[in-house]
Protein backbone atom coordinates (compact mmCIF):
# COMPACT_ATOMS: atom_id res chain seq x y z
CA MET A 1 145.18 139.27 73.39
CA GLY A 2 144.47 136.04 74.19
CA PHE A 3 142.15 133.58 72.76
CA LEU A 4 139.63 133.42 76.40
CA SER A 5 140.05 137.36 76.18
CA ARG A 6 138.64 137.42 72.93
CA LEU A 7 135.83 134.78 73.57
CA PHE A 8 134.78 137.10 76.35
CA TYR A 9 136.01 140.97 75.50
CA GLY A 10 135.50 140.74 72.34
CA THR A 11 138.36 142.87 70.05
CA GLU A 12 139.14 146.35 70.20
CA LYS A 13 137.82 146.51 66.49
CA ASP A 14 134.38 144.75 68.11
CA LYS A 15 134.47 148.29 71.22
CA LYS A 16 134.73 150.66 69.18
CA GLY A 17 131.81 150.06 66.93
CA PRO A 18 131.28 150.67 63.40
CA ALA A 19 133.21 153.68 61.73
CA VAL A 20 131.06 156.87 60.86
CA GLU A 21 131.28 158.65 57.78
CA LYS A 22 131.86 162.10 57.92
CA ARG A 23 128.91 163.95 56.91
CA THR A 24 128.80 166.61 54.50
CA LEU A 25 125.77 167.90 52.35
CA ARG A 26 126.76 165.82 49.80
CA ASN A 27 126.03 162.74 51.47
CA LEU A 28 123.56 163.63 54.31
CA GLN A 29 121.40 160.64 55.34
CA VAL A 30 117.97 159.87 56.77
CA LYS A 31 118.12 160.37 60.76
CA ASP A 32 120.96 163.20 60.50
CA PHE A 33 120.33 166.10 62.22
CA VAL A 34 121.88 169.67 60.51
CA THR A 35 121.33 173.41 62.59
CA TYR A 36 119.84 176.49 59.71
CA ASP A 37 118.95 179.22 60.82
CA LEU A 38 118.81 178.57 64.51
CA LEU A 39 116.68 176.05 64.47
CA ASP A 40 117.34 171.76 64.63
CA TYR A 41 115.82 169.85 61.96
CA GLU A 42 116.06 165.92 61.84
CA VAL A 43 116.04 164.49 57.66
CA VAL A 44 113.30 162.33 57.55
CA GLY A 45 113.53 162.05 53.79
CA LYS A 46 115.68 161.89 50.52
CA ILE A 47 114.90 162.79 46.91
CA HIS A 48 117.87 161.71 44.88
CA TYR A 49 117.13 163.04 41.70
CA ASN A 50 118.67 161.54 38.06
CA ASP A 51 118.57 163.55 34.99
CA SER A 52 119.81 161.65 32.20
CA GLY A 53 122.92 161.33 34.11
CA TYR A 54 123.20 165.51 35.96
CA THR A 55 122.15 163.92 39.31
CA TRP A 56 120.85 166.01 42.78
CA ASP A 57 119.48 165.97 45.49
CA ALA A 58 116.74 166.92 47.78
CA TYR A 59 116.32 166.42 51.66
CA GLN A 60 112.94 167.00 53.54
CA LEU A 61 114.23 168.31 56.96
CA ALA A 62 111.37 168.22 60.05
CA SER A 63 111.84 170.40 63.01
CA ALA A 64 108.89 171.27 65.46
CA GLY A 65 105.88 172.41 63.39
CA LYS A 66 108.21 172.92 60.48
CA ASN A 67 109.37 170.70 57.44
CA ILE A 68 111.77 172.57 54.72
CA TRP A 69 113.64 171.52 51.57
CA LEU A 70 117.52 171.05 51.38
CA SER A 71 118.43 171.61 47.55
CA VAL A 72 122.33 170.20 47.19
CA GLU A 73 123.43 170.31 43.85
CA MET A 74 127.21 170.21 41.89
CA ASP A 75 127.31 172.14 38.96
CA ASP A 76 130.08 174.10 38.59
CA GLU A 77 130.14 174.57 42.15
CA LEU A 78 128.14 173.22 44.87
CA GLU A 79 124.72 175.05 45.13
CA VAL A 80 122.89 174.83 48.16
CA GLY A 81 118.88 176.08 48.83
CA VAL A 82 116.45 175.95 50.97
CA TYR A 83 113.17 175.76 49.77
CA GLU A 84 109.03 175.38 51.33
CA LYS A 85 106.09 174.08 49.63
CA ILE A 86 103.72 176.69 48.22
CA ARG A 87 100.00 176.49 46.71
CA ILE A 88 99.42 178.59 42.81
CA PRO A 89 96.14 177.30 42.11
CA GLY A 90 95.46 177.14 38.14
CA LEU A 91 99.26 176.71 37.58
CA GLU A 92 99.97 175.26 34.36
CA PRO A 93 103.69 173.97 34.77
CA GLY A 94 106.02 175.06 32.30
CA LYS A 95 104.75 178.06 31.51
CA LYS A 96 106.89 180.81 30.79
CA GLU A 97 106.71 183.41 33.31
CA ILE A 98 104.89 182.70 36.78
CA SER A 99 103.26 185.37 38.82
CA TYR A 100 103.13 184.36 42.92
CA ASP A 101 103.13 187.16 45.43
CA GLY A 102 103.82 190.17 43.28
CA LYS A 103 107.23 189.24 41.68
CA THR A 104 107.30 187.27 38.06
CA TYR A 105 109.29 184.20 38.07
CA PHE A 106 110.95 183.11 34.46
CA LEU A 107 110.91 179.69 33.02
CA GLU A 108 115.15 178.94 33.41
CA GLU A 109 115.54 175.24 33.49
CA GLN A 110 112.81 172.56 32.80
CA GLY A 111 113.65 168.28 32.24
CA ARG A 112 113.00 164.88 33.92
CA ALA A 113 114.42 162.96 35.84
CA TYR A 114 114.08 159.92 37.15
CA VAL A 115 114.34 159.29 41.49
CA THR A 116 115.37 157.11 44.18
CA SER A 117 114.12 158.04 47.63
CA PHE A 118 114.32 157.40 51.50
CA GLY A 119 112.92 157.43 54.96
CA ARG A 120 109.36 159.86 54.45
CA SER A 121 110.37 160.11 50.53
CA GLU A 122 110.44 157.19 49.38
CA ASN A 123 106.60 157.15 48.37
CA VAL A 124 108.39 158.46 45.07
CA ASN A 125 111.27 155.87 44.58
CA GLY A 126 111.75 154.54 41.11
CA ALA A 127 109.58 157.45 39.95
CA GLU A 128 109.77 159.32 37.10
CA MET A 129 109.52 163.05 37.04
CA ALA A 130 109.18 166.49 34.94
CA TYR A 131 110.28 169.45 36.84
CA TYR A 132 110.33 173.26 36.33
CA GLU A 133 112.89 175.60 37.71
CA TYR A 134 112.00 179.69 37.73
CA LEU A 135 114.07 182.79 38.98
CA ASP A 136 113.01 185.98 39.53
CA GLU A 137 114.18 188.93 37.51
CA ALA A 138 116.35 189.46 40.84
CA GLY A 139 117.65 186.39 40.77
CA GLU A 140 117.29 186.03 44.52
CA SER A 141 113.81 183.78 44.48
CA TYR A 142 113.41 180.82 42.66
CA LEU A 143 109.92 178.39 42.26
CA SER A 144 110.61 175.04 42.09
CA VAL A 145 107.61 172.78 40.38
CA GLU A 146 107.55 169.28 40.31
CA VAL A 147 104.85 167.29 38.36
CA TRP A 148 104.75 163.53 39.93
CA GLY A 149 101.93 161.94 37.29
CA SER A 150 98.53 164.34 37.19
CA GLU A 151 100.36 166.27 41.31
CA VAL A 152 101.88 168.77 40.78
CA GLU A 153 104.01 170.03 43.26
CA VAL A 154 105.37 174.13 44.02
CA SER A 155 107.99 175.02 46.60
CA LYS A 156 109.45 178.81 47.11
CA GLY A 157 113.09 178.77 47.53
CA TYR A 158 116.25 180.69 47.88
CA GLU A 159 120.20 180.68 47.69
CA ILE A 160 122.20 179.78 51.06
CA GLU A 161 125.48 179.26 51.36
CA GLU A 162 127.37 176.02 52.91
CA TYR A 163 128.84 177.44 56.18
CA GLU A 164 124.91 177.97 57.03
CA VAL A 165 124.14 174.36 57.77
CA THR A 166 125.72 172.92 60.50
CA ILE A 167 125.43 169.15 59.98
CA LEU A 168 125.35 165.95 63.62
CA ALA A 169 125.14 162.63 62.28
CA GLY A 170 122.36 160.27 63.21
CA SER A 171 124.39 157.01 62.67
């Protein structure tokens, strides 16, 4: 290709544009889209948690009138969960047992994490938070309690399989 052709028409590399990284549940980005349970969601926020080197991500997903959180962590294997915010008045974070909706949940894990956040969630970027993870007797339902300063957020969730989520890169 001659100099004038490159000047006026660009190179083949210029015409292709930037390469898009193949998306997985481990590298979703704000503005990507996912389909779960027959609904399409946009990734509108992401929080990356770091508890002394152990890390996981939570993606804020928005659809018409519905918001959920997709939790992704690599323990011995990939663990994926879907959570929705709930209210439990008078909840004391860190209690050994919590009763909610006719079930008893038992404290499984707790700790403190520093977060990096993006999109709608970036207002907590750089914050430190405390977390408490609870599991019901049947091992099917989770409560996630997060303490952000004086604010307590509670979400109810359950595990899903990786194949239940379809991803479309947004950029």
